[in-house]
Structures are given as C-alpha cells and as structure tokens.
Protein backbone atom coordinates (compact mmCIF):
# COMPACT_ATOMS: atom_id res chain seq x y z
CA UNK A 1 -61.58 -75.31 -26.41
CA UNK A 2 -61.75 -76.64 -29.40
CA UNK A 3 -62.74 -79.98 -31.41
CA UNK A 4 -60.22 -82.40 -32.80
CA UNK A 5 -61.24 -80.70 -37.07
CA UNK A 6 -60.83 -77.37 -36.01
CA UNK A 7 -57.34 -78.69 -33.53
CA UNK A 8 -55.99 -80.71 -37.43
CA UNK A 9 -57.35 -77.78 -39.06
CA UNK A 10 -55.13 -75.18 -37.13
CA UNK A 11 -51.89 -77.47 -37.24
CA UNK A 12 -52.28 -78.05 -40.94
CA UNK A 13 -52.56 -74.11 -41.37
CA UNK A 14 -48.76 -73.56 -39.41
CA UNK A 15 -47.72 -76.06 -40.80
CA UNK A 16 -48.16 -74.99 -44.63
CA UNK A 17 -47.41 -71.35 -43.35
CA UNK A 18 -43.94 -72.37 -42.21
CA UNK A 19 -43.47 -74.87 -44.82
CA UNK A 20 -43.39 -71.22 -47.00
CA UNK A 21 -41.82 -69.17 -45.12
CA UNK A 22 -38.72 -71.54 -43.98
CA UNK A 23 -35.08 -70.81 -45.53
CA UNK A 24 -34.08 -74.73 -45.61
CA UNK A 25 -37.60 -75.92 -47.27
CA UNK A 26 -36.06 -76.65 -50.49
CA UNK A 27 -33.50 -78.99 -48.60
CA UNK A 28 -34.85 -82.39 -49.78
CA UNK A 29 -34.58 -84.94 -47.04
CA UNK A 30 -35.21 -82.08 -44.91
CA UNK A 31 -38.80 -81.37 -45.71
CA UNK A 32 -39.62 -85.38 -46.44
CA UNK A 33 -39.03 -85.85 -42.62
CA UNK A 34 -41.00 -83.07 -42.15
CA UNK A 35 -43.92 -84.00 -44.24
CA UNK A 36 -43.43 -87.53 -42.64
CA UNK A 37 -43.30 -86.30 -39.52
CA UNK A 38 -46.50 -84.17 -39.81
CA UNK A 39 -48.15 -87.33 -41.49
CA UNK A 40 -47.89 -88.96 -38.42
CA UNK A 41 -49.00 -86.09 -35.64
CA UNK A 42 -52.60 -86.67 -37.92
CA UNK A 43 -52.80 -90.08 -38.13
CA UNK A 44 -52.32 -90.58 -34.15
CA UNK A 45 -52.44 -86.74 -32.37
CA UNK A 46 -52.04 -86.43 -29.37
CA UNK A 47 -51.82 -89.06 -26.71
CA UNK A 48 -54.24 -89.86 -24.06
CA UNK A 49 -53.74 -91.91 -20.83
CA UNK A 50 -54.87 -94.75 -22.85
CA UNK A 51 -51.75 -95.40 -24.00
CA UNK A 52 -49.45 -97.07 -21.61
CA UNK A 53 -46.70 -94.71 -22.27
CA UNK A 54 -49.16 -91.17 -20.66
CA UNK A 55 -51.81 -93.90 -18.33
CA UNK A 56 -50.74 -90.67 -15.86
CA UNK A 57 -50.89 -87.82 -17.56
CA UNK A 58 -53.91 -86.11 -19.73
CA UNK A 59 -52.65 -83.70 -22.09
CA UNK A 60 -56.23 -83.03 -22.92
CA UNK A 61 -55.14 -79.48 -21.80
CA UNK A 62 -53.18 -78.92 -24.93
CA UNK A 63 -54.83 -80.68 -27.08
CA UNK A 64 -58.02 -78.23 -26.70
CA UNK A 65 -56.07 -75.01 -26.25
CA UNK A 66 -56.28 -73.22 -29.53
CA UNK A 67 -51.73 -72.69 -29.85
CA UNK A 68 -50.69 -69.72 -32.79
CA UNK A 69 -47.00 -70.68 -33.83
CA UNK A 70 -44.88 -68.36 -32.58
CA UNK A 71 -43.47 -65.58 -36.00
CA UNK A 72 -39.98 -64.27 -35.58
CA UNK A 73 -40.58 -61.11 -34.03
CA UNK A 74 -43.28 -62.16 -31.37
CA UNK A 75 -42.19 -60.79 -27.78
CA UNK A 76 -39.52 -58.08 -27.16
CA UNK A 77 -37.07 -59.05 -24.34
CA UNK A 78 -34.30 -56.99 -23.57
CA UNK A 79 -30.62 -57.07 -22.17
CA UNK A 80 -32.08 -56.21 -18.57
CA UNK A 81 -35.09 -58.89 -18.52
CA UNK A 82 -31.94 -62.15 -18.51
CA UNK A 83 -29.66 -60.58 -15.84
CA UNK A 84 -30.92 -62.66 -13.57
CA UNK A 85 -30.73 -66.03 -15.64
CA UNK A 86 -27.17 -65.25 -17.03
CA UNK A 87 -25.16 -68.06 -15.72
CA UNK A 88 -21.36 -67.07 -14.25
CA UNK A 89 -18.85 -68.70 -15.73
CA UNK A 90 -20.48 -70.24 -19.22
CA UNK A 91 -18.63 -70.19 -22.28
CA UNK A 92 -21.92 -68.63 -24.29
CA UNK A 93 -25.16 -68.00 -23.62
CA UNK A 94 -27.23 -68.38 -26.61
CA UNK A 95 -30.49 -66.73 -26.58
CA UNK A 96 -34.02 -68.31 -27.85
CA UNK A 97 -36.80 -66.50 -27.37
CA UNK A 98 -40.39 -67.71 -28.11
CA UNK A 99 -38.20 -70.79 -30.29
CA UNK A 100 -35.75 -68.12 -32.10
CA UNK A 101 -32.56 -67.47 -32.19
CA UNK A 102 -31.85 -63.66 -30.86
CA UNK A 103 -27.83 -62.53 -31.87
CA UNK A 104 -28.84 -59.28 -29.41
CA UNK A 105 -29.35 -60.97 -26.26
CA UNK A 106 -26.88 -63.52 -27.01
CA UNK A 107 -23.64 -63.84 -25.47
CA UNK A 108 -20.41 -65.67 -27.97
CA UNK A 109 -16.43 -65.50 -27.53
CA UNK A 110 -15.35 -67.57 -24.89
CA UNK A 111 -15.98 -71.29 -27.35
CA UNK A 112 -12.45 -72.92 -27.00
CA UNK A 113 -10.84 -73.58 -30.63
CA UNK A 114 -13.15 -75.84 -33.62
CA UNK A 115 -16.08 -75.47 -30.96
CA UNK A 116 -19.27 -74.20 -32.71
CA UNK A 117 -22.73 -72.99 -30.99
CA UNK A 118 -24.53 -71.21 -32.95
CA UNK A 119 -28.67 -71.45 -34.22
CA UNK A 120 -29.89 -74.38 -36.05
CA UNK A 121 -31.92 -71.66 -38.68
CA UNK A 122 -28.02 -70.46 -39.14
CA UNK A 123 -26.69 -73.52 -39.85
CA UNK A 124 -29.18 -74.63 -42.28
CA UNK A 125 -28.02 -71.77 -44.05
CA UNK A 126 -24.49 -72.72 -43.88
CA UNK A 127 -23.52 -75.89 -44.28
CA UNK A 128 -27.08 -77.89 -44.19
CA UNK A 129 -24.68 -81.24 -45.17
CA UNK A 130 -23.27 -80.99 -41.65
CA UNK A 131 -26.88 -81.52 -40.57
CA UNK A 132 -28.42 -83.92 -42.32
CA UNK A 133 -25.34 -86.43 -40.95
CA UNK A 134 -27.58 -86.58 -37.59
CA UNK A 135 -30.14 -84.81 -37.38
CA UNK A 136 -33.72 -87.13 -37.09
CA UNK A 137 -31.59 -90.00 -37.88
CA UNK A 138 -32.24 -90.89 -34.08
CA UNK A 139 -35.56 -89.22 -33.21
CA UNK A 140 -38.30 -92.02 -32.99
CA UNK A 141 -41.08 -89.97 -34.89
CA UNK A 142 -43.80 -92.76 -34.84
CA UNK A 143 -43.45 -93.48 -31.20
CA UNK A 144 -44.05 -89.99 -30.03
CA UNK A 145 -46.40 -87.48 -31.40
CA UNK A 146 -45.45 -84.66 -29.57
CA UNK A 147 -41.63 -85.56 -31.38
CA UNK A 148 -44.11 -85.77 -34.71
CA UNK A 149 -44.77 -82.18 -33.73
CA UNK A 150 -41.23 -80.75 -32.86
CA UNK A 151 -39.88 -82.28 -35.96
CA UNK A 152 -42.78 -81.11 -38.44
CA UNK A 153 -43.08 -77.27 -36.93
CA UNK A 154 -39.10 -76.75 -35.92
CA UNK A 155 -38.25 -73.54 -37.34
CA UNK A 156 -34.84 -72.83 -35.32
CA UNK A 157 -32.94 -73.87 -32.35
CA UNK A 158 -29.74 -74.29 -30.89
CA UNK A 159 -26.37 -76.29 -32.88
CA UNK A 160 -23.37 -77.38 -30.95
CA UNK A 161 -20.10 -79.06 -32.26
CA UNK A 162 -17.68 -80.22 -30.69
CA UNK A 163 -14.65 -82.15 -32.74
CA UNK A 164 -12.44 -84.65 -32.05
CA UNK A 165 -10.06 -84.39 -29.23
CA UNK A 166 -11.48 -80.80 -27.99
CA UNK A 167 -11.79 -79.93 -24.13
CA UNK A 168 -15.11 -77.49 -23.63
CA UNK A 169 -14.41 -77.04 -20.07
CA UNK A 170 -16.78 -73.82 -19.70
CA UNK A 171 -20.48 -75.02 -19.61
CA UNK A 172 -22.22 -74.01 -23.07
CA UNK A 173 -25.78 -72.45 -21.95
CA UNK A 174 -29.31 -72.17 -24.32
CA UNK A 175 -31.78 -70.00 -22.60
CA UNK A 176 -34.69 -70.12 -23.87
CA UNK A 177 -37.42 -67.76 -22.98
CA UNK A 178 -41.82 -67.33 -22.88
CA UNK A 179 -42.78 -64.39 -23.51
CA UNK A 180 -46.91 -63.56 -22.30
CA UNK A 181 -49.20 -62.86 -24.93
CA UNK A 182 -52.53 -62.03 -25.79
CA UNK A 183 -53.18 -65.14 -27.48
CA UNK A 184 -51.45 -68.97 -26.03
CA UNK A 185 -48.35 -69.20 -28.84
CA UNK A 186 -46.23 -72.48 -28.94
CA UNK A 187 -42.80 -73.48 -30.45
CA UNK A 188 -40.99 -76.01 -31.30
CA UNK A 189 -37.10 -75.83 -30.47
CA UNK A 190 -35.07 -78.76 -32.04
CA UNK A 191 -31.33 -78.51 -30.29
CA UNK A 192 -28.83 -80.77 -32.05
CA UNK A 193 -25.69 -81.25 -30.05
CA UNK A 194 -22.80 -83.58 -32.06
CA UNK A 195 -20.18 -84.58 -29.24
CA UNK A 196 -17.15 -86.26 -31.55
CA UNK A 197 -14.92 -88.76 -30.49
CA UNK A 198 -12.82 -87.86 -27.03
CA UNK A 199 -14.18 -84.81 -27.11
CA UNK A 200 -15.00 -83.59 -23.60
CA UNK A 201 -18.33 -81.25 -22.55
CA UNK A 202 -21.38 -79.70 -20.67
CA UNK A 203 -24.19 -78.13 -22.29
CA UNK A 204 -26.81 -76.50 -20.32
CA UNK A 205 -31.04 -76.40 -22.00
CA UNK A 206 -32.93 -73.57 -19.05
CA UNK A 207 -36.09 -73.09 -19.98
CA UNK A 208 -38.21 -70.17 -18.61
CA UNK A 209 -40.43 -67.00 -18.87
CA UNK A 210 -40.67 -63.31 -18.73
CA UNK A 211 -44.81 -62.90 -18.51
CA UNK A 212 -47.24 -65.19 -17.31
CA UNK A 213 -50.06 -66.76 -19.86
CA UNK A 214 -50.87 -70.05 -21.69
CA UNK A 215 -47.78 -70.30 -23.92
CA UNK A 216 -46.94 -74.56 -25.21
CA UNK A 217 -42.85 -75.40 -25.90
CA UNK A 218 -42.59 -78.67 -27.31
CA UNK A 219 -38.57 -79.51 -27.71
CA UNK A 220 -36.79 -82.15 -28.62
CA UNK A 221 -32.78 -82.49 -27.96
CA UNK A 222 -30.45 -85.03 -30.43
CA UNK A 223 -27.20 -85.64 -28.23
CA UNK A 224 -24.69 -87.75 -30.25
CA UNK A 225 -21.90 -88.74 -27.64
CA UNK A 226 -18.93 -89.98 -29.70
CA UNK A 227 -16.37 -92.78 -28.84
CA UNK A 228 -14.83 -91.71 -25.74
CA UNK A 229 -16.66 -88.92 -25.35
CA UNK A 230 -17.18 -87.51 -22.18
CA UNK A 231 -20.90 -85.36 -22.09
CA UNK A 232 -22.92 -83.58 -19.85
CA UNK A 233 -26.70 -82.39 -19.94
CA UNK A 234 -28.43 -79.80 -18.14
CA UNK A 235 -31.99 -79.68 -18.03
CA UNK A 236 -33.70 -76.28 -16.57
CA UNK A 237 -37.69 -76.38 -16.30
CA UNK A 238 -38.55 -73.26 -14.32
CA UNK A 239 -41.31 -71.54 -16.69
CA UNK A 240 -44.82 -69.98 -15.17
CA UNK A 241 -47.47 -72.19 -13.47
CA UNK A 242 -49.85 -71.37 -16.63
CA UNK A 243 -46.60 -72.68 -19.23
CA UNK A 244 -46.62 -76.05 -20.77
CA UNK A 245 -43.65 -77.88 -21.43
CA UNK A 246 -42.59 -81.05 -23.05
CA UNK A 247 -39.17 -81.79 -23.50
CA UNK A 248 -37.62 -84.90 -25.34
CA UNK A 249 -33.81 -85.76 -25.06
CA UNK A 250 -32.55 -88.01 -27.15
CA UNK A 251 -29.20 -90.08 -26.56
CA UNK A 252 -27.18 -91.98 -28.93
CA UNK A 253 -23.61 -92.77 -27.40
CA UNK A 254 -20.89 -94.41 -29.03
CA UNK A 255 -18.14 -97.23 -27.62
CA UNK A 256 -16.91 -95.96 -24.86
CA UNK A 257 -19.51 -92.84 -24.40
CA UNK A 258 -20.29 -91.29 -20.78
CA UNK A 259 -23.38 -89.21 -20.82
CA UNK A 260 -24.65 -87.59 -18.01
CA UNK A 261 -28.08 -86.07 -17.84
CA UNK A 262 -29.34 -83.89 -15.34
CA UNK A 263 -32.75 -82.87 -15.18
CA UNK A 264 -34.33 -80.01 -12.45
CA UNK A 265 -37.78 -79.70 -12.93
CA UNK A 266 -39.43 -76.07 -10.98
CA UNK A 267 -42.02 -74.24 -12.87
CA UNK A 268 -45.00 -75.08 -15.20
CA UNK A 269 -48.40 -76.19 -15.08
CA UNK A 270 -47.86 -78.90 -17.11
CA UNK A 271 -44.59 -80.36 -17.81
CA UNK A 272 -43.03 -83.75 -19.42
CA UNK A 273 -39.94 -84.47 -19.65
CA UNK A 274 -38.53 -87.50 -21.82
CA UNK A 275 -34.94 -88.44 -21.41
CA UNK A 276 -34.16 -91.60 -24.09
CA UNK A 277 -30.78 -92.97 -24.31
CA UNK A 278 -29.11 -95.85 -26.28
CA UNK A 279 -26.00 -97.66 -25.34
CA UNK A 280 -25.19 -98.65 -28.73
CA UNK A 281 -22.01 -98.73 -28.56
CA UNK A 282 -19.85 -101.54 -26.23
CA UNK A 283 -18.90 -100.27 -23.04
CA UNK A 284 -20.91 -97.36 -22.90
CA UNK A 285 -22.36 -95.28 -19.81
CA UNK A 286 -24.57 -93.37 -18.52
CA UNK A 287 -26.32 -91.19 -16.11
CA UNK A 288 -30.00 -90.07 -15.90
CA UNK A 289 -30.33 -87.76 -13.31
CA UNK A 290 -33.17 -86.11 -11.68
CA UNK A 291 -35.43 -83.71 -8.79
CA UNK A 292 -38.95 -82.19 -9.32
CA UNK A 293 -40.48 -80.35 -7.20
CA UNK A 294 -43.69 -79.24 -7.70
CA UNK A 295 -46.49 -77.51 -5.41
CA UNK A 296 -50.23 -75.59 -6.14
CA UNK A 297 -52.02 -78.36 -8.79
CA UNK A 298 -48.77 -78.70 -10.68
CA UNK A 299 -47.86 -81.65 -12.56
CA UNK A 300 -44.58 -83.43 -13.28
CA UNK A 301 -44.06 -86.75 -14.73
CA UNK A 302 -40.22 -87.94 -15.93
CA UNK A 303 -40.53 -90.31 -18.39
CA UNK A 304 -37.19 -93.01 -18.81
CA UNK A 305 -36.61 -94.73 -21.36
CA UNK A 306 -32.79 -96.58 -21.24
CA UNK A 307 -31.87 -98.47 -23.92
CA UNK A 308 -29.20 -101.53 -23.96
CA UNK A 309 -28.52 -102.14 -27.05
CA UNK A 310 -23.71 -102.93 -26.72
CA UNK A 311 -22.45 -105.88 -23.87
CA UNK A 312 -20.39 -104.22 -20.88
CA UNK A 313 -22.20 -100.76 -20.63
CA UNK A 314 -23.75 -99.20 -17.23
CA UNK A 315 -26.17 -97.07 -16.68
CA UNK A 316 -27.81 -95.22 -13.69
CA UNK A 317 -30.92 -93.77 -13.14
CA UNK A 318 -31.40 -91.92 -10.12
CA UNK A 319 -34.25 -88.87 -9.21
CA UNK A 320 -35.82 -87.56 -6.32
CA UNK A 321 -39.55 -85.88 -6.05
CA UNK A 322 -40.32 -82.96 -3.85
CA UNK A 323 -44.30 -82.35 -4.17
CA UNK A 324 -46.78 -80.06 -1.69
CA UNK A 325 -50.42 -78.61 -2.07
CA UNK A 326 -52.01 -80.53 -4.61
CA UNK A 327 -49.17 -81.32 -7.38
CA UNK A 328 -48.70 -84.56 -8.66
CA UNK A 329 -45.44 -85.84 -9.99
CA UNK A 330 -44.92 -88.98 -12.63
CA UNK A 331 -41.64 -91.46 -12.34
CA UNK A 332 -42.22 -93.97 -15.33
CA UNK A 333 -38.53 -95.45 -15.92
CA UNK A 334 -37.71 -98.38 -18.24
CA UNK A 335 -34.30 -100.21 -18.88
CA UNK A 336 -35.00 -102.36 -21.84
CA UNK A 337 -32.00 -104.83 -22.41
CA UNK A 338 -31.62 -106.11 -25.62
CA UNK A 339 -30.58 -109.83 -26.55
CA UNK A 340 -26.90 -109.07 -27.23
CA UNK A 341 -26.32 -106.74 -24.41
CA UNK A 342 -24.60 -109.22 -21.87
CA UNK A 343 -22.82 -107.73 -19.17
CA UNK A 344 -24.69 -105.21 -18.37
CA UNK A 345 -25.46 -103.35 -15.19
CA UNK A 346 -28.12 -101.34 -14.27
CA UNK A 347 -29.86 -100.03 -12.03
CA UNK A 348 -33.09 -98.17 -11.01
CA UNK A 349 -33.85 -95.95 -8.10
CA UNK A 350 -36.84 -93.27 -7.40
CA UNK A 351 -37.18 -91.31 -4.02
CA UNK A 352 -40.15 -88.88 -3.09
CA UNK A 353 -41.24 -86.83 -0.68
CA UNK A 354 -45.17 -86.18 -0.23
CA UNK A 355 -45.44 -82.90 1.93
CA UNK A 356 -49.40 -82.77 2.09
CA UNK A 357 -52.50 -85.27 2.29
CA UNK A 358 -53.30 -84.00 -1.34
CA UNK A 359 -49.67 -84.69 -3.43
CA UNK A 360 -49.30 -87.23 -5.28
CA UNK A 361 -46.64 -89.58 -7.04
CA UNK A 362 -47.02 -92.58 -9.48
CA UNK A 363 -44.14 -94.19 -10.04
CA UNK A 364 -43.46 -97.42 -11.79
CA UNK A 365 -39.92 -98.77 -12.52
CA UNK A 366 -39.52 -100.65 -15.22
CA UNK A 367 -37.20 -103.55 -16.33
CA UNK A 368 -37.64 -105.52 -19.83
CA UNK A 369 -34.53 -108.08 -19.95
CA UNK A 370 -33.82 -110.54 -23.36
CA UNK A 371 -30.47 -111.29 -22.35
CA UNK A 372 -29.44 -114.17 -19.23
CA UNK A 373 -25.47 -112.11 -17.89
CA UNK A 374 -26.68 -109.34 -16.59
CA UNK A 375 -27.20 -107.34 -13.28
CA UNK A 376 -30.17 -105.18 -12.71
CA UNK A 377 -32.22 -103.39 -9.84
CA UNK A 378 -34.90 -101.11 -9.76
CA UNK A 379 -37.26 -99.56 -6.53
CA UNK A 380 -38.44 -96.52 -5.80
CA UNK A 381 -40.28 -95.27 -1.69
CA UNK A 382 -42.56 -92.44 -0.90
CA UNK A 383 -42.57 -90.87 2.25
CA UNK A 384 -42.74 -87.29 4.28
CA UNK A 385 -40.85 -86.02 6.11
CA UNK A 386 -38.95 -87.93 9.33
CA UNK A 387 -40.82 -85.86 12.47
CA UNK A 388 -37.78 -87.67 14.67
CA UNK A 389 -35.39 -86.13 12.48
CA UNK A 390 -37.24 -82.59 12.48
CA UNK A 391 -37.89 -82.65 16.38
CA UNK A 392 -34.24 -83.09 16.97
CA UNK A 393 -32.81 -80.10 14.82
CA UNK A 394 -36.08 -78.38 16.84
CA UNK A 395 -34.34 -79.51 20.18
CA UNK A 396 -31.33 -77.48 19.33
CA UNK A 397 -33.29 -74.22 18.71
CA UNK A 398 -33.61 -74.22 14.59
CA UNK A 399 -36.33 -72.70 14.03
CA UNK A 400 -39.04 -74.99 12.12
CA UNK A 401 -39.46 -73.26 8.76
CA UNK A 402 -35.14 -73.75 8.67
CA UNK A 403 -35.06 -77.41 10.01
CA UNK A 404 -37.52 -77.92 6.76
CA UNK A 405 -35.40 -76.57 5.20
CA UNK A 406 -32.41 -78.23 6.30
CA UNK A 407 -34.13 -81.31 5.45
CA UNK A 408 -35.45 -81.47 2.14
CA UNK A 409 -31.79 -79.78 1.36
CA UNK A 410 -30.59 -82.75 1.95
CA UNK A 411 -32.85 -84.83 0.19
CA UNK A 412 -32.29 -82.43 -3.20
CA UNK A 413 -28.59 -82.48 -2.34
CA UNK A 414 -28.91 -86.19 -3.50
CA UNK A 415 -29.14 -85.23 -6.32
CA UNK A 416 -26.63 -82.38 -7.41
CA UNK A 417 -24.55 -83.84 -5.52
CA UNK A 418 -24.24 -86.15 -8.72
CA UNK A 419 -23.12 -83.26 -10.22
CA UNK A 420 -19.81 -82.30 -11.63
CA UNK A 421 -18.21 -79.41 -8.89
CA UNK A 422 -18.57 -76.28 -11.80
CA UNK A 423 -20.87 -72.91 -11.93
CA UNK A 424 -23.03 -74.77 -13.11
CA UNK A 425 -23.70 -77.28 -10.02
CA UNK A 426 -23.06 -73.23 -8.20
CA UNK A 427 -25.43 -71.68 -9.67
CA UNK A 428 -28.02 -74.57 -8.98
CA UNK A 429 -27.34 -74.86 -5.54
CA UNK A 430 -28.01 -71.42 -5.22
CA UNK A 431 -31.50 -71.49 -7.25
CA UNK A 432 -31.87 -74.67 -4.56
CA UNK A 433 -31.55 -73.25 -1.66
CA UNK A 434 -33.29 -70.22 -2.50
CA UNK A 435 -36.49 -72.06 -4.00
CA UNK A 436 -36.63 -74.33 -1.16
CA UNK A 437 -36.95 -72.18 1.95
CA UNK A 438 -40.54 -71.05 -0.41
CA UNK A 439 -41.25 -74.51 0.26
CA UNK A 440 -40.20 -75.16 3.70
CA UNK A 441 -41.89 -72.13 4.65
CA UNK A 442 -45.37 -73.03 3.11
CA UNK A 443 -45.26 -76.45 4.67
CA UNK A 444 -48.33 -77.05 7.39
CA UNK A 445 -47.28 -78.34 10.33
CA UNK A 446 -49.07 -81.86 10.08
CA UNK A 447 -50.57 -82.99 14.10
CA UNK A 448 -52.84 -85.35 15.15
CA UNK A 449 -55.54 -84.07 17.48
CA UNK A 450 -54.07 -84.57 20.75
CA UNK A 451 -51.20 -82.13 19.57
CA UNK A 452 -48.28 -84.32 18.34
CA UNK A 453 -46.21 -84.04 15.63
CA UNK A 454 -47.35 -87.33 12.67
CA UNK A 455 -44.71 -88.47 10.68
CA UNK A 456 -44.97 -91.73 8.32
CA UNK A 457 -42.22 -93.59 7.26
CA UNK A 458 -40.45 -94.73 4.24
CA UNK A 459 -42.98 -97.61 2.11
CA UNK A 460 -41.03 -99.57 -0.24
CA UNK A 461 -42.94 -100.18 -3.02
CA UNK A 462 -40.57 -102.13 -5.84
C-alpha cells in the first residue's frame, strides 16, 4: 500500500516520462488537454464513497496499489493465445496488448471502402487534424477523475471512422488483452469512434486477461453518431478476478441518430461501467442494454447517465444482474431531461437475481426532469430463482443443474434478445451458455429446516 503523497509522486513521474516519449507531444491542443486533465486529477484525486456518483463503490484498492504504467514491450502474446477470443464473421480484429496496438496479432482486410479501423497512435502520426475535431471534445474531465486520468495518460487505443452513407455490415472487433506481470500494471486505452451521417456499423470492445495478477485498465471511448446514423456498441468484460476495470462510454448523438449500447460484464474483481449518452439532436434514439453476472467477491458497478438535450428523443435502459457468493452489484441510473427536451420518452428498468444470502445489490433509478411535456418511468426489482418454476422443470424429469441453467438463461436472454441477430449475438449466446452452466452448477439448493424449497417473490423497489 502507498500513501496519497507517494501515489501522486508516482503518477507525476509516469506522466513526465510519457510526455517525453509520446509521438504527439508536439501537438499543442492535445498537450494542453492532457496537462489540464492531469491537473484536474491531482486536484480531486480518486473518488470516494462520499461522492454521490460513487456512494456504492470504494476504489481505495485502486488508489493504494502502486501501479506502473505499462510500457511498449510489456507482455508477450502469441497468435495461438488469442484463438479462443476470435469472433467469427468480424470485419477486422484489432488487438491491443496492455493498451498498445499489435499489428502482428491483428487481422484486417475485410472493411468496406472508406472505413478506417486503426491505432489511435498511428492516426496521430498520419493525420492528427481529424482527431482534433472530436477527441476530448465531449468527455467531461472535470466531472470524473478516471476520465481525467485516462486523458492524461493516453498512449494508444482504437480509431474507427465510418464515412457518410457507408454501411459496415460485419462488426469491427477491438480486443484488449492484459497480461500478468511481476508488478501491477495500469493501462489507459483511449478509443474514438466517428460515424458520419446515415452510416451504419457495429463495434465490439472485449477486455480479457491472459494470466492472473493485479492489473488496472482505465478505458474511455468517445462515440460520435452523426445525423440519421445507426450504431451498435458492445462492451464485453471478462478479465481475471484480481483485475480492476473502469470503462467510460461517452456518446454524442446527432439528429435522428440511433445508438444501441450493450454491456456484458462477467469478470474482474472491481468493475465500473459508465455509459453517458447525450441525445443532442432532435429525434435521436438510444438503447442502453446490459447484463452483469458476479460471484465470489466481485464488485460490478453500472453507472448510467442519459441526457435528453433536444425534443422528441427516446431512450430505454434495461439492465439485468445475476449475483452469487458474496458478489455485490450496483445499478445507478440517471435520466436528465433538460428544459428544451419536450416530448421526451424515457424508460429505465433494472432487474436482479440473488442466488445466495450473501450476495448484494444496490439499485438507484433516478429521474431529473426540467421539461413539462414528457413521458418518463423507472423501476427496479430484486428476487431469487422462482422455486415453483424450478419445481415444475424438475417434475418434468430435468435435473436440478439443467433446470437452474434454463431459468438463468431465460433471465439473461432478456438482454440478448435486444441485440441484433448477427455474429456478435451468436458469439455472446455461446459465451453465456458456458458461463451460466458454471453458475448453475455452483448454486446450492435453498431449503428450510423441514427440507422444503424456500423461495422469494419479486420485490418492487421503485
């Protein structure tokens, strides 16, 4: 463990070294953005449970661990190591090892004409002017210390550009690999996705670990959806139980833009998933859809902030959680309807299954409405597996593990069913099938002292 002063000194040293090594250190606009971000981080430090947005999550384990910034050569990965994470049908697969792009491990070549999917560091070298238009223009570094930290320590990430009117049918797949090391490593990937007017695309971010060990991945993705664009974004997190993962997805939507954000959180010891869309153009639509499954002592925190800034916009939030062991889940969803956002239609729903007496969920649906002609609803439920349904399946000759898996899959499929039928959904269905079999196989039968099954009905919280 380290003190606050030692922590700040360590981050200052890493920041100074990165500033000298970065290929884009000569760009005045980016240098100023990074310096302002680091100054903000040193001013506020890491958030604490006293901060309202972090009241359910304690990040002291991150703050007190002496993480070192991963270097260019940290971690050795072979193509064979990645075979289990190849997604069939992807237009390309960009691989980042400890936050750095690896051309040797990446696969490209099936992208439509005009579409760019490359390393952010490479784009800084080739054409930084296109990055200046968007990079850092939407993220609020003053509001979130982790976003400020990411901006200060950005070294690489993905750059995806979909030109006007282009339809990218196959998904663009971004794989971020953390490797074990003798010392705790931190990475700060920065991704920029720009979809111009009337374009269509799907982008997948997948975070995995090759070896056990403490690692801190703090990623930020800025997604700019132009007028009448249709974009699907997938976030898959399945890192080692000792890993820390903080991700922020900032979405800027134009007029009549349609964006779907899908999150699937399965791994990590402490995970924070931030999704912040701003429906800035009239008639924009946004779907925020997520599933988180935790066991052991995992802590999975989902923070949603949806801002309706223009009239006639629709948003939907659906998040399902499954928690076993001593796992803890958090759903904190905010819908903010600004004064000019008349005719807003917003809905927020959080449903949770607790599979053990020690599992815990904190859920806080929240509405802030400053317009007077809107339709907004929110609610949350917490419960256990319905024992009557389990008994029904058992009475039909289905063994207990298979019966529990069927019920858990039905619950999880509420999330999967909202995804478009494509190769990503097929891949996630297979992943979920394997993962929930392990969960179902580890859940003990809850019984009373008389040997009878003990169930609990759904409980409305809001």
